[in-house]
């Protein structure tokens, strides 16, 4: 299921491991609200934000699969079909695809797919320096998903405080106002000094 959703093998066997107990408690609390509420995972490079997305997705799938009759493989396929995982770089390509002829388009998903997917996982928000056009597209995406309260999970190396800083991100403020609507979005942020787990050479398969 994780593979079909777009996660690589390094994330397939991850689980809560007690390294960030306060934050993992917050993530478990969010888990009790899935999939009705969205989440923003912020923090420095490397503490495992994408990994935690994969853990939450697996927990959500397990809860959902209990309500479905049939083989687990079929349930995993159906669940993954209702989930879209992209990075911010993928998003910029999807925006550019709107200017390309169909044979030249690079992404499988369309912008409309992102707007209406039952669950959207958006990794590394802010990792790309955006054009005015793409910022407008991001605003439109967030507006659409916020309006219909569609669950949307984000990770970012930029903190909520910085994104809401009008001097640092003046062009993002309309998007940010939707992103951090407390009725829609839960926020969990790792401390700036959180350990870079990418440097750990562990076999997690």
N, C-alpha and C. Protein backbone atom coordinates (compact mmCIF):
# COMPACT_ATOMS: atom_id res chain seq x y z
N UNK A 1 0.82 -1.19 0.00
CA UNK A 1 0.00 0.00 0.00
C UNK A 1 0.86 1.26 0.00
N UNK A 2 1.91 1.26 0.82
CA UNK A 2 2.81 2.42 0.85
C UNK A 2 3.51 2.60 -0.49
N UNK A 3 3.90 1.49 -1.10
CA UNK A 3 4.55 1.58 -2.40
C UNK A 3 3.61 2.16 -3.44
N UNK A 4 2.37 1.69 -3.45
CA UNK A 4 1.40 2.21 -4.41
C UNK A 4 1.10 3.68 -4.16
N UNK A 5 1.21 4.11 -2.91
CA UNK A 5 0.94 5.51 -2.58
C UNK A 5 2.11 6.42 -2.92
N UNK A 6 3.28 5.84 -3.20
CA UNK A 6 4.42 6.65 -3.62
C UNK A 6 5.58 6.69 -2.66
N UNK A 7 5.52 5.97 -1.55
CA UNK A 7 6.62 5.97 -0.59
C UNK A 7 7.66 4.93 -0.97
N UNK A 8 8.93 5.28 -0.79
CA UNK A 8 10.02 4.38 -1.11
C UNK A 8 10.24 3.33 -0.04
N UNK A 9 11.05 2.30 -0.33
CA UNK A 9 11.26 1.19 0.60
C UNK A 9 11.79 1.61 1.96
N UNK A 10 12.54 2.72 2.02
CA UNK A 10 13.10 3.16 3.30
C UNK A 10 12.03 3.55 4.31
N UNK A 11 10.79 3.71 3.85
CA UNK A 11 9.72 4.11 4.75
C UNK A 11 8.74 2.98 5.07
N UNK A 12 8.89 1.84 4.45
CA UNK A 12 7.86 0.81 4.55
C UNK A 12 7.77 0.18 5.94
N UNK A 13 8.87 0.07 6.65
CA UNK A 13 8.87 -0.64 7.94
C UNK A 13 9.01 0.30 9.14
N UNK A 14 8.94 1.60 8.92
CA UNK A 14 9.09 2.54 10.03
C UNK A 14 7.89 2.47 10.97
N UNK A 15 8.15 2.83 12.23
CA UNK A 15 7.08 2.92 13.21
C UNK A 15 7.52 3.93 14.27
N UNK A 16 6.61 4.31 15.16
CA UNK A 16 7.01 5.16 16.28
C UNK A 16 8.05 4.41 17.09
N UNK A 17 9.17 5.08 17.37
CA UNK A 17 10.25 4.38 18.07
C UNK A 17 10.69 5.07 19.35
N UNK A 18 9.95 6.07 19.81
CA UNK A 18 10.23 6.70 21.09
C UNK A 18 11.30 7.77 21.08
N UNK A 19 11.82 8.13 19.91
CA UNK A 19 12.90 9.12 19.88
C UNK A 19 12.40 10.53 20.14
N UNK A 20 11.16 10.78 19.77
CA UNK A 20 10.58 12.09 20.01
C UNK A 20 9.24 11.89 20.72
N UNK A 21 9.28 11.49 22.01
CA UNK A 21 8.05 11.07 22.68
C UNK A 21 6.97 12.14 22.69
N UNK A 22 7.34 13.40 22.95
CA UNK A 22 6.33 14.46 22.98
C UNK A 22 5.66 14.64 21.64
N UNK A 23 6.45 14.57 20.58
CA UNK A 23 5.91 14.76 19.25
C UNK A 23 5.15 13.53 18.78
N UNK A 24 5.62 12.36 19.17
CA UNK A 24 4.90 11.15 18.79
C UNK A 24 3.56 11.07 19.50
N UNK A 25 3.49 11.59 20.74
CA UNK A 25 2.20 11.66 21.42
C UNK A 25 1.25 12.58 20.65
N UNK A 26 1.79 13.69 20.15
CA UNK A 26 0.97 14.60 19.35
C UNK A 26 0.49 13.95 18.07
N UNK A 27 1.36 13.16 17.45
CA UNK A 27 0.98 12.47 16.22
C UNK A 27 -0.07 11.39 16.49
N UNK A 28 0.06 10.70 17.61
CA UNK A 28 -0.96 9.71 17.96
C UNK A 28 -2.30 10.39 18.24
N UNK A 29 -2.25 11.56 18.86
CA UNK A 29 -3.48 12.32 19.10
C UNK A 29 -4.11 12.72 17.77
N UNK A 30 -3.27 13.12 16.83
CA UNK A 30 -3.80 13.43 15.50
C UNK A 30 -4.41 12.19 14.88
N UNK A 31 -3.77 11.05 15.10
CA UNK A 31 -4.27 9.80 14.53
C UNK A 31 -5.70 9.50 14.94
N UNK A 32 -6.10 9.93 16.13
CA UNK A 32 -7.47 9.69 16.57
C UNK A 32 -8.47 10.52 15.79
N UNK A 33 -7.98 11.57 15.09
CA UNK A 33 -8.86 12.44 14.31
C UNK A 33 -8.82 12.13 12.81
N UNK A 34 -7.96 11.20 12.41
CA UNK A 34 -7.86 10.86 10.98
C UNK A 34 -9.15 10.22 10.51
N UNK A 35 -9.52 10.43 9.24
CA UNK A 35 -8.87 11.34 8.32
C UNK A 35 -9.53 12.71 8.25
N UNK A 36 -10.39 13.03 9.25
CA UNK A 36 -11.17 14.26 9.15
C UNK A 36 -10.31 15.51 9.19
N UNK A 37 -9.20 15.48 9.93
CA UNK A 37 -8.40 16.68 10.08
C UNK A 37 -7.10 16.56 9.29
N UNK A 38 -6.56 17.71 8.91
CA UNK A 38 -5.29 17.77 8.18
C UNK A 38 -4.15 17.99 9.16
N UNK A 39 -2.91 17.81 8.68
CA UNK A 39 -1.75 17.98 9.56
C UNK A 39 -0.61 18.66 8.82
N UNK A 40 0.11 19.50 9.55
CA UNK A 40 1.32 20.15 9.07
C UNK A 40 2.46 19.68 9.96
N UNK A 41 3.43 18.97 9.39
CA UNK A 41 4.61 18.51 10.12
C UNK A 41 5.78 19.41 9.73
N UNK A 42 6.24 20.20 10.68
CA UNK A 42 7.35 21.10 10.40
C UNK A 42 8.59 20.71 11.18
N UNK A 43 9.73 21.27 10.76
CA UNK A 43 10.97 21.00 11.47
C UNK A 43 12.15 21.03 10.54
N UNK A 44 13.35 20.87 11.09
CA UNK A 44 14.56 20.93 10.28
C UNK A 44 14.69 19.72 9.36
N UNK A 45 15.74 19.72 8.58
CA UNK A 45 16.00 18.61 7.66
C UNK A 45 16.35 17.34 8.44
N UNK A 46 15.67 16.24 8.14
CA UNK A 46 16.13 14.94 8.60
C UNK A 46 15.53 14.28 9.81
N UNK A 47 14.63 14.91 10.61
CA UNK A 47 14.15 14.19 11.80
C UNK A 47 13.16 13.07 11.49
N UNK A 48 12.69 12.99 10.26
CA UNK A 48 11.81 11.88 9.89
C UNK A 48 10.39 12.30 9.57
N UNK A 49 10.20 13.51 9.07
CA UNK A 49 8.84 13.99 8.79
C UNK A 49 8.13 13.13 7.75
N UNK A 50 8.82 12.81 6.66
CA UNK A 50 8.22 11.96 5.63
C UNK A 50 7.96 10.56 6.17
N UNK A 51 8.86 10.08 7.00
CA UNK A 51 8.67 8.78 7.62
C UNK A 51 7.42 8.75 8.48
N UNK A 52 7.18 9.83 9.21
CA UNK A 52 5.99 9.88 10.04
C UNK A 52 4.73 9.94 9.20
N UNK A 53 4.80 10.58 8.03
CA UNK A 53 3.65 10.53 7.13
C UNK A 53 3.34 9.09 6.75
N UNK A 54 4.38 8.32 6.45
CA UNK A 54 4.16 6.93 6.05
C UNK A 54 3.58 6.11 7.20
N UNK A 55 4.02 6.39 8.43
CA UNK A 55 3.48 5.69 9.60
C UNK A 55 2.00 6.00 9.77
N UNK A 56 1.67 7.29 9.70
CA UNK A 56 0.27 7.68 9.85
C UNK A 56 -0.59 7.08 8.75
N UNK A 57 -0.06 7.05 7.53
CA UNK A 57 -0.83 6.48 6.43
C UNK A 57 -1.08 4.99 6.66
N UNK A 58 -0.08 4.29 7.16
CA UNK A 58 -0.25 2.86 7.42
C UNK A 58 -1.30 2.64 8.52
N UNK A 59 -1.25 3.47 9.57
CA UNK A 59 -2.24 3.36 10.64
C UNK A 59 -3.65 3.62 10.11
N UNK A 60 -3.77 4.63 9.25
CA UNK A 60 -5.07 4.94 8.66
C UNK A 60 -5.57 3.78 7.80
N UNK A 61 -4.68 3.20 7.02
CA UNK A 61 -5.07 2.08 6.17
C UNK A 61 -5.54 0.89 7.01
N UNK A 62 -4.83 0.61 8.09
CA UNK A 62 -5.21 -0.54 8.92
C UNK A 62 -6.61 -0.35 9.49
N UNK A 63 -6.91 0.86 9.95
CA UNK A 63 -8.23 1.13 10.51
C UNK A 63 -9.30 1.02 9.42
N UNK A 64 -8.99 1.53 8.23
CA UNK A 64 -9.95 1.48 7.13
C UNK A 64 -10.16 0.05 6.64
N UNK A 65 -9.09 -0.72 6.57
CA UNK A 65 -9.18 -2.08 6.03
C UNK A 65 -10.07 -2.98 6.88
N UNK A 66 -10.18 -2.67 8.17
CA UNK A 66 -11.04 -3.47 9.04
C UNK A 66 -12.51 -3.35 8.65
N UNK A 67 -12.85 -2.30 7.94
CA UNK A 67 -14.25 -2.07 7.56
C UNK A 67 -14.57 -2.61 6.17
N UNK A 68 -13.57 -3.21 5.51
CA UNK A 68 -13.73 -3.63 4.12
C UNK A 68 -13.62 -5.15 4.01
N UNK A 69 -14.55 -5.74 3.29
CA UNK A 69 -14.48 -7.18 3.03
C UNK A 69 -13.59 -7.43 1.81
N UNK A 70 -12.88 -8.55 1.83
CA UNK A 70 -12.06 -8.90 0.68
C UNK A 70 -10.60 -9.02 1.02
N UNK A 71 -9.78 -9.46 0.06
CA UNK A 71 -8.35 -9.66 0.29
C UNK A 71 -7.64 -8.36 0.65
N UNK A 72 -6.59 -8.47 1.45
CA UNK A 72 -5.83 -7.29 1.86
C UNK A 72 -5.21 -6.59 0.67
N UNK A 73 -4.77 -7.38 -0.34
CA UNK A 73 -4.13 -6.78 -1.51
C UNK A 73 -5.11 -5.89 -2.26
N UNK A 74 -6.35 -6.35 -2.37
CA UNK A 74 -7.36 -5.55 -3.06
C UNK A 74 -7.67 -4.29 -2.27
N UNK A 75 -7.76 -4.42 -0.94
CA UNK A 75 -8.02 -3.25 -0.10
C UNK A 75 -6.90 -2.23 -0.23
N UNK A 76 -5.65 -2.72 -0.26
CA UNK A 76 -4.51 -1.82 -0.39
C UNK A 76 -4.54 -1.08 -1.71
N UNK A 77 -4.93 -1.77 -2.76
CA UNK A 77 -5.00 -1.14 -4.08
C UNK A 77 -6.06 -0.03 -4.09
N UNK A 78 -7.24 -0.34 -3.56
CA UNK A 78 -8.32 0.65 -3.54
C UNK A 78 -7.93 1.85 -2.69
N UNK A 79 -7.33 1.60 -1.52
CA UNK A 79 -6.93 2.69 -0.63
C UNK A 79 -5.91 3.59 -1.32
N UNK A 80 -4.90 2.99 -1.96
CA UNK A 80 -3.87 3.77 -2.62
C UNK A 80 -4.43 4.59 -3.77
N UNK A 81 -5.46 4.10 -4.42
CA UNK A 81 -6.08 4.83 -5.53
C UNK A 81 -6.75 6.12 -5.06
N UNK A 82 -7.03 6.20 -3.76
CA UNK A 82 -7.67 7.38 -3.20
C UNK A 82 -6.68 8.26 -2.45
N UNK A 83 -5.40 8.00 -2.64
CA UNK A 83 -4.35 8.75 -1.96
C UNK A 83 -3.35 9.26 -2.98
N UNK A 84 -2.97 10.52 -2.88
CA UNK A 84 -1.94 11.08 -3.76
C UNK A 84 -0.80 11.61 -2.89
N UNK A 85 0.40 11.15 -3.20
CA UNK A 85 1.61 11.65 -2.55
C UNK A 85 2.44 12.40 -3.59
N UNK A 86 2.78 13.67 -3.28
CA UNK A 86 3.65 14.45 -4.16
C UNK A 86 4.64 15.23 -3.31
N UNK A 87 5.73 15.62 -3.92
CA UNK A 87 6.65 16.58 -3.31
C UNK A 87 6.37 17.96 -3.91
N UNK A 88 6.95 18.98 -3.31
CA UNK A 88 6.75 20.32 -3.87
C UNK A 88 7.32 20.41 -5.28
N UNK A 89 8.39 19.71 -5.54
CA UNK A 89 8.95 19.69 -6.91
C UNK A 89 7.97 19.04 -7.88
N UNK A 90 7.30 17.98 -7.45
CA UNK A 90 6.27 17.38 -8.29
C UNK A 90 5.17 18.40 -8.59
N UNK A 91 4.81 19.18 -7.58
CA UNK A 91 3.75 20.17 -7.75
C UNK A 91 4.12 21.20 -8.81
N UNK A 92 5.37 21.64 -8.83
CA UNK A 92 5.78 22.61 -9.84
C UNK A 92 5.67 22.01 -11.24
N UNK A 93 5.99 20.72 -11.38
CA UNK A 93 5.87 20.07 -12.68
C UNK A 93 4.40 19.94 -13.10
N UNK A 94 3.53 19.64 -12.12
CA UNK A 94 2.10 19.56 -12.42
C UNK A 94 1.58 20.91 -12.88
N UNK A 95 2.06 21.99 -12.26
CA UNK A 95 1.68 23.34 -12.70
C UNK A 95 2.17 23.60 -14.12
N UNK A 96 3.40 23.19 -14.41
CA UNK A 96 3.95 23.40 -15.75
C UNK A 96 3.23 22.55 -16.79
N UNK A 97 2.73 21.39 -16.37
CA UNK A 97 2.03 20.52 -17.31
C UNK A 97 0.81 21.19 -17.94
N UNK A 98 0.26 22.18 -17.24
CA UNK A 98 -0.92 22.86 -17.80
C UNK A 98 -0.57 23.64 -19.07
N UNK A 99 0.75 23.88 -19.28
CA UNK A 99 1.19 24.58 -20.49
C UNK A 99 1.72 23.62 -21.56
N UNK A 100 1.78 22.32 -21.22
CA UNK A 100 2.36 21.35 -22.14
C UNK A 100 1.27 20.60 -22.89
N UNK A 101 1.59 20.16 -24.09
CA UNK A 101 0.69 19.28 -24.82
C UNK A 101 0.65 17.93 -24.11
N UNK A 102 -0.48 17.23 -24.17
CA UNK A 102 -0.61 15.95 -23.44
C UNK A 102 0.56 14.98 -23.62
N UNK A 103 1.09 14.78 -24.84
CA UNK A 103 2.20 13.81 -24.96
C UNK A 103 3.47 14.24 -24.22
N UNK A 104 3.61 15.54 -23.94
CA UNK A 104 4.82 16.06 -23.32
C UNK A 104 4.71 16.24 -21.81
N UNK A 105 3.55 15.93 -21.24
CA UNK A 105 3.36 16.12 -19.81
C UNK A 105 4.17 15.11 -19.02
N UNK A 106 4.73 15.56 -17.89
CA UNK A 106 5.67 14.74 -17.14
C UNK A 106 5.02 14.00 -15.97
N UNK A 107 3.90 14.53 -15.45
CA UNK A 107 3.30 13.96 -14.25
C UNK A 107 2.06 13.13 -14.58
N UNK A 108 1.79 12.16 -13.75
CA UNK A 108 0.60 11.32 -13.92
C UNK A 108 -0.64 12.08 -13.48
N UNK A 109 -0.51 12.87 -12.41
CA UNK A 109 -1.66 13.54 -11.82
C UNK A 109 -1.86 14.92 -12.44
N UNK A 110 -3.11 15.35 -12.47
CA UNK A 110 -3.44 16.70 -12.91
C UNK A 110 -3.68 17.57 -11.68
N UNK A 111 -3.73 18.88 -11.92
CA UNK A 111 -4.03 19.79 -10.82
C UNK A 111 -5.40 19.49 -10.23
N UNK A 112 -6.35 19.13 -11.07
CA UNK A 112 -7.70 18.79 -10.59
C UNK A 112 -7.66 17.55 -9.71
N UNK A 113 -6.79 16.59 -10.04
CA UNK A 113 -6.63 15.40 -9.18
C UNK A 113 -6.22 15.82 -7.77
N UNK A 114 -5.27 16.75 -7.69
CA UNK A 114 -4.79 17.20 -6.38
C UNK A 114 -5.89 17.90 -5.60
N UNK A 115 -6.70 18.67 -6.31
CA UNK A 115 -7.78 19.41 -5.64
C UNK A 115 -8.82 18.47 -5.04
N UNK A 116 -9.06 17.34 -5.68
CA UNK A 116 -10.20 16.52 -5.29
C UNK A 116 -9.84 15.16 -4.71
N UNK A 117 -8.57 14.84 -4.61
CA UNK A 117 -8.18 13.56 -4.02
C UNK A 117 -8.71 13.44 -2.59
N UNK A 118 -9.26 12.28 -2.21
CA UNK A 118 -9.75 12.12 -0.84
C UNK A 118 -8.67 12.35 0.21
N UNK A 119 -7.41 12.07 -0.11
CA UNK A 119 -6.31 12.35 0.80
C UNK A 119 -5.10 12.79 -0.01
N UNK A 120 -4.56 13.96 0.31
CA UNK A 120 -3.38 14.49 -0.37
C UNK A 120 -2.22 14.59 0.60
N UNK A 121 -1.09 14.02 0.22
CA UNK A 121 0.14 14.12 1.01
C UNK A 121 1.11 14.99 0.22
N UNK A 122 1.47 16.14 0.78
CA UNK A 122 2.28 17.15 0.10
C UNK A 122 3.58 17.30 0.89
N UNK A 123 4.65 16.74 0.35
CA UNK A 123 5.93 16.66 1.05
C UNK A 123 6.84 17.83 0.67
N UNK A 124 7.57 18.35 1.66
CA UNK A 124 8.59 19.39 1.43
C UNK A 124 8.00 20.70 0.92
N UNK A 125 6.91 21.14 1.51
CA UNK A 125 6.34 22.43 1.16
C UNK A 125 7.39 23.53 1.36
N UNK A 126 7.56 24.36 0.34
CA UNK A 126 8.53 25.45 0.43
C UNK A 126 9.93 25.09 -0.01
N UNK A 127 10.12 23.85 -0.49
CA UNK A 127 11.46 23.43 -0.91
C UNK A 127 11.85 24.02 -2.25
N UNK A 128 10.88 24.59 -2.96
CA UNK A 128 11.11 25.14 -4.30
C UNK A 128 10.78 26.62 -4.27
N UNK A 129 11.62 27.43 -4.90
CA UNK A 129 11.34 28.86 -5.01
C UNK A 129 10.27 29.03 -6.08
N UNK A 130 9.09 29.48 -5.67
CA UNK A 130 7.94 29.50 -6.55
C UNK A 130 7.84 30.76 -7.39
N UNK A 131 7.23 30.62 -8.56
CA UNK A 131 6.86 31.75 -9.40
C UNK A 131 5.51 32.29 -8.90
N UNK A 132 5.16 33.48 -9.36
CA UNK A 132 3.85 34.04 -8.99
C UNK A 132 2.73 33.12 -9.44
N UNK A 133 2.90 32.52 -10.61
CA UNK A 133 1.87 31.61 -11.13
C UNK A 133 1.69 30.41 -10.20
N UNK A 134 2.80 29.80 -9.80
CA UNK A 134 2.70 28.62 -8.95
C UNK A 134 2.17 28.95 -7.57
N UNK A 135 2.51 30.13 -7.05
CA UNK A 135 1.95 30.54 -5.76
C UNK A 135 0.43 30.67 -5.88
N UNK A 136 -0.01 31.23 -7.01
CA UNK A 136 -1.45 31.31 -7.25
C UNK A 136 -2.09 29.94 -7.33
N UNK A 137 -1.40 28.98 -7.95
CA UNK A 137 -1.91 27.61 -8.04
C UNK A 137 -1.95 26.96 -6.65
N UNK A 138 -0.94 27.24 -5.82
CA UNK A 138 -0.93 26.71 -4.46
C UNK A 138 -2.10 27.29 -3.66
N UNK A 139 -2.35 28.58 -3.83
CA UNK A 139 -3.50 29.21 -3.18
C UNK A 139 -4.80 28.52 -3.60
N UNK A 140 -4.93 28.29 -4.91
CA UNK A 140 -6.14 27.65 -5.42
C UNK A 140 -6.31 26.24 -4.87
N UNK A 141 -5.19 25.50 -4.79
CA UNK A 141 -5.24 24.14 -4.24
C UNK A 141 -5.70 24.15 -2.79
N UNK A 142 -5.08 25.02 -1.99
CA UNK A 142 -5.44 25.07 -0.57
C UNK A 142 -6.86 25.57 -0.38
N UNK A 143 -7.27 26.53 -1.18
CA UNK A 143 -8.64 27.05 -1.08
C UNK A 143 -9.65 25.95 -1.35
N UNK A 144 -9.41 25.16 -2.39
CA UNK A 144 -10.34 24.10 -2.75
C UNK A 144 -10.41 23.03 -1.68
N UNK A 145 -9.26 22.61 -1.18
CA UNK A 145 -9.24 21.55 -0.18
C UNK A 145 -9.77 22.05 1.17
N UNK A 146 -9.46 23.30 1.50
CA UNK A 146 -9.98 23.89 2.74
C UNK A 146 -11.50 24.03 2.67
N UNK A 147 -12.01 24.45 1.53
CA UNK A 147 -13.45 24.68 1.39
C UNK A 147 -14.25 23.42 1.65
N UNK A 148 -13.75 22.29 1.14
CA UNK A 148 -14.46 21.03 1.30
C UNK A 148 -13.90 20.18 2.44
N UNK A 149 -12.99 20.78 3.22
CA UNK A 149 -12.39 20.12 4.39
C UNK A 149 -11.83 18.75 4.04
N UNK A 150 -11.13 18.69 2.90
CA UNK A 150 -10.50 17.45 2.48
C UNK A 150 -9.18 17.29 3.23
N UNK A 151 -8.94 16.13 3.83
CA UNK A 151 -7.71 15.94 4.59
C UNK A 151 -6.47 16.08 3.72
N UNK A 152 -5.52 16.87 4.22
CA UNK A 152 -4.30 17.19 3.47
C UNK A 152 -3.15 17.18 4.46
N UNK A 153 -2.13 16.40 4.16
CA UNK A 153 -0.99 16.25 5.07
C UNK A 153 0.24 16.90 4.44
N UNK A 154 0.87 17.81 5.18
CA UNK A 154 2.01 18.55 4.67
C UNK A 154 3.24 18.32 5.54
N UNK A 155 4.40 18.31 4.91
CA UNK A 155 5.65 18.45 5.66
C UNK A 155 6.38 19.67 5.11
N UNK A 156 7.20 20.27 5.96
CA UNK A 156 7.96 21.44 5.52
C UNK A 156 9.16 21.65 6.43
N UNK A 157 10.27 22.13 5.82
CA UNK A 157 11.43 22.55 6.61
C UNK A 157 11.28 23.98 7.10
N UNK A 158 10.18 24.62 6.74
CA UNK A 158 9.91 26.00 7.14
C UNK A 158 8.87 25.97 8.26
N UNK A 159 9.11 26.68 9.32
CA UNK A 159 8.21 26.66 10.46
C UNK A 159 6.92 27.44 10.17
N UNK A 160 5.91 27.15 10.96
CA UNK A 160 4.67 27.91 10.86
C UNK A 160 4.93 29.39 11.09
N UNK A 161 5.76 29.69 12.09
CA UNK A 161 6.05 31.10 12.39
C UNK A 161 6.68 31.81 11.20
N UNK A 162 7.63 31.16 10.53
CA UNK A 162 8.27 31.79 9.38
C UNK A 162 7.30 31.94 8.21
N UNK A 163 6.50 30.90 7.94
CA UNK A 163 5.56 31.00 6.84
C UNK A 163 4.53 32.11 7.06
N UNK A 164 4.20 32.37 8.32
CA UNK A 164 3.24 33.42 8.63
C UNK A 164 3.89 34.80 8.74
N UNK A 165 5.21 34.85 8.56
CA UNK A 165 5.93 36.13 8.62
C UNK A 165 5.76 36.86 7.29
N UNK A 166 5.05 37.98 7.30
CA UNK A 166 4.73 38.70 6.08
C UNK A 166 5.97 39.28 5.40
N UNK A 167 7.03 39.50 6.16
CA UNK A 167 8.26 40.03 5.57
C UNK A 167 9.03 38.93 4.85
N UNK A 168 9.02 37.71 5.40
CA UNK A 168 9.76 36.62 4.79
C UNK A 168 9.01 36.00 3.61
N UNK A 169 7.69 35.89 3.73
CA UNK A 169 6.88 35.25 2.68
C UNK A 169 5.67 36.13 2.35
N UNK A 170 5.92 37.31 1.81
CA UNK A 170 4.81 38.24 1.56
C UNK A 170 3.79 37.71 0.56
N UNK A 171 4.25 36.91 -0.41
CA UNK A 171 3.35 36.43 -1.46
C UNK A 171 2.58 35.18 -1.06
N UNK A 172 2.90 34.62 0.10
CA UNK A 172 2.30 33.36 0.52
C UNK A 172 1.12 33.55 1.48
N UNK A 173 0.81 34.78 1.86
CA UNK A 173 -0.07 34.97 3.00
C UNK A 173 -1.50 34.48 2.77
N UNK A 174 -2.02 34.59 1.56
CA UNK A 174 -3.35 34.04 1.31
C UNK A 174 -3.35 32.52 1.46
N UNK A 175 -2.32 31.89 0.93
CA UNK A 175 -2.21 30.43 1.06
C UNK A 175 -2.03 30.04 2.52
N UNK A 176 -1.19 30.76 3.23
CA UNK A 176 -0.89 30.45 4.63
C UNK A 176 -2.12 30.60 5.51
N UNK A 177 -2.97 31.59 5.20
CA UNK A 177 -4.16 31.79 6.02
C UNK A 177 -5.08 30.58 5.98
N UNK A 178 -5.13 29.90 4.85
CA UNK A 178 -5.90 28.67 4.74
C UNK A 178 -5.16 27.50 5.38
N UNK A 179 -3.87 27.43 5.11
CA UNK A 179 -3.06 26.30 5.59
C UNK A 179 -3.15 26.14 7.10
N UNK A 180 -3.14 27.25 7.83
CA UNK A 180 -3.10 27.17 9.29
C UNK A 180 -4.44 27.51 9.95
N UNK A 181 -5.51 27.27 9.24
CA UNK A 181 -6.83 27.39 9.84
C UNK A 181 -6.96 26.29 10.91
N UNK A 182 -7.11 26.69 12.16
CA UNK A 182 -7.06 25.73 13.26
C UNK A 182 -8.21 24.72 13.21
N UNK A 183 -9.31 25.07 12.54
CA UNK A 183 -10.42 24.14 12.45
C UNK A 183 -10.16 23.04 11.41
N UNK A 184 -9.14 23.25 10.60
CA UNK A 184 -8.83 22.29 9.54
C UNK A 184 -7.48 21.62 9.75
N UNK A 185 -6.53 22.35 10.31
CA UNK A 185 -5.14 21.89 10.33
C UNK A 185 -4.61 21.70 11.75
N UNK A 186 -4.05 20.52 12.02
CA UNK A 186 -3.27 20.29 13.24
C UNK A 186 -1.80 20.53 12.90
N UNK A 187 -1.05 21.09 13.85
CA UNK A 187 0.36 21.41 13.61
C UNK A 187 1.23 20.68 14.62
N UNK A 188 2.22 19.95 14.11
CA UNK A 188 3.23 19.31 14.95
C UNK A 188 4.58 19.72 14.39
N UNK A 189 5.42 20.34 15.22
CA UNK A 189 6.72 20.81 14.75
C UNK A 189 7.84 20.25 15.62
N UNK A 190 8.87 19.75 14.97
CA UNK A 190 10.04 19.23 15.66
C UNK A 190 10.99 20.38 16.00
N UNK A 191 11.72 20.26 17.10
CA UNK A 191 12.63 21.34 17.48
C UNK A 191 13.75 21.53 16.47
N UNK A 192 14.28 22.75 16.40
CA UNK A 192 15.34 23.05 15.44
C UNK A 192 16.56 22.16 15.62
N UNK A 193 16.79 21.67 16.83
CA UNK A 193 17.96 20.84 17.11
C UNK A 193 17.67 19.35 17.00
N UNK A 194 16.52 19.00 16.46
CA UNK A 194 16.20 17.58 16.29
C UNK A 194 17.26 16.89 15.44
N UNK A 195 17.62 15.69 15.84
CA UNK A 195 18.72 14.97 15.18
C UNK A 195 18.37 14.62 13.75
N UNK A 196 19.36 14.74 12.86
CA UNK A 196 19.19 14.37 11.46
C UNK A 196 19.29 12.85 11.35
N UNK A 197 18.14 12.19 11.20
CA UNK A 197 18.11 10.73 11.18
C UNK A 197 18.57 10.16 9.84
N UNK A 198 18.74 11.01 8.84
CA UNK A 198 19.23 10.52 7.56
C UNK A 198 20.67 10.04 7.66
N UNK A 199 21.36 10.51 8.69
CA UNK A 199 22.75 10.11 8.88
C UNK A 199 22.89 8.77 9.56
N UNK A 200 21.77 8.26 10.04
CA UNK A 200 21.81 6.98 10.73
C UNK A 200 21.76 5.85 9.69
N UNK A 201 22.68 4.95 9.76
CA UNK A 201 22.74 3.86 8.78
C UNK A 201 22.06 2.64 9.40
N UNK A 202 20.75 2.63 9.25
CA UNK A 202 19.98 1.50 9.78
C UNK A 202 19.27 0.80 8.63
N UNK A 203 19.18 -0.51 8.74
CA UNK A 203 18.41 -1.27 7.78
C UNK A 203 16.99 -1.35 8.29
N UNK A 204 16.07 -0.61 7.63
CA UNK A 204 14.69 -0.55 8.11
C UNK A 204 13.76 -1.40 7.24
N UNK A 205 14.32 -2.19 6.38
CA UNK A 205 13.46 -2.99 5.51
C UNK A 205 12.95 -4.20 6.23
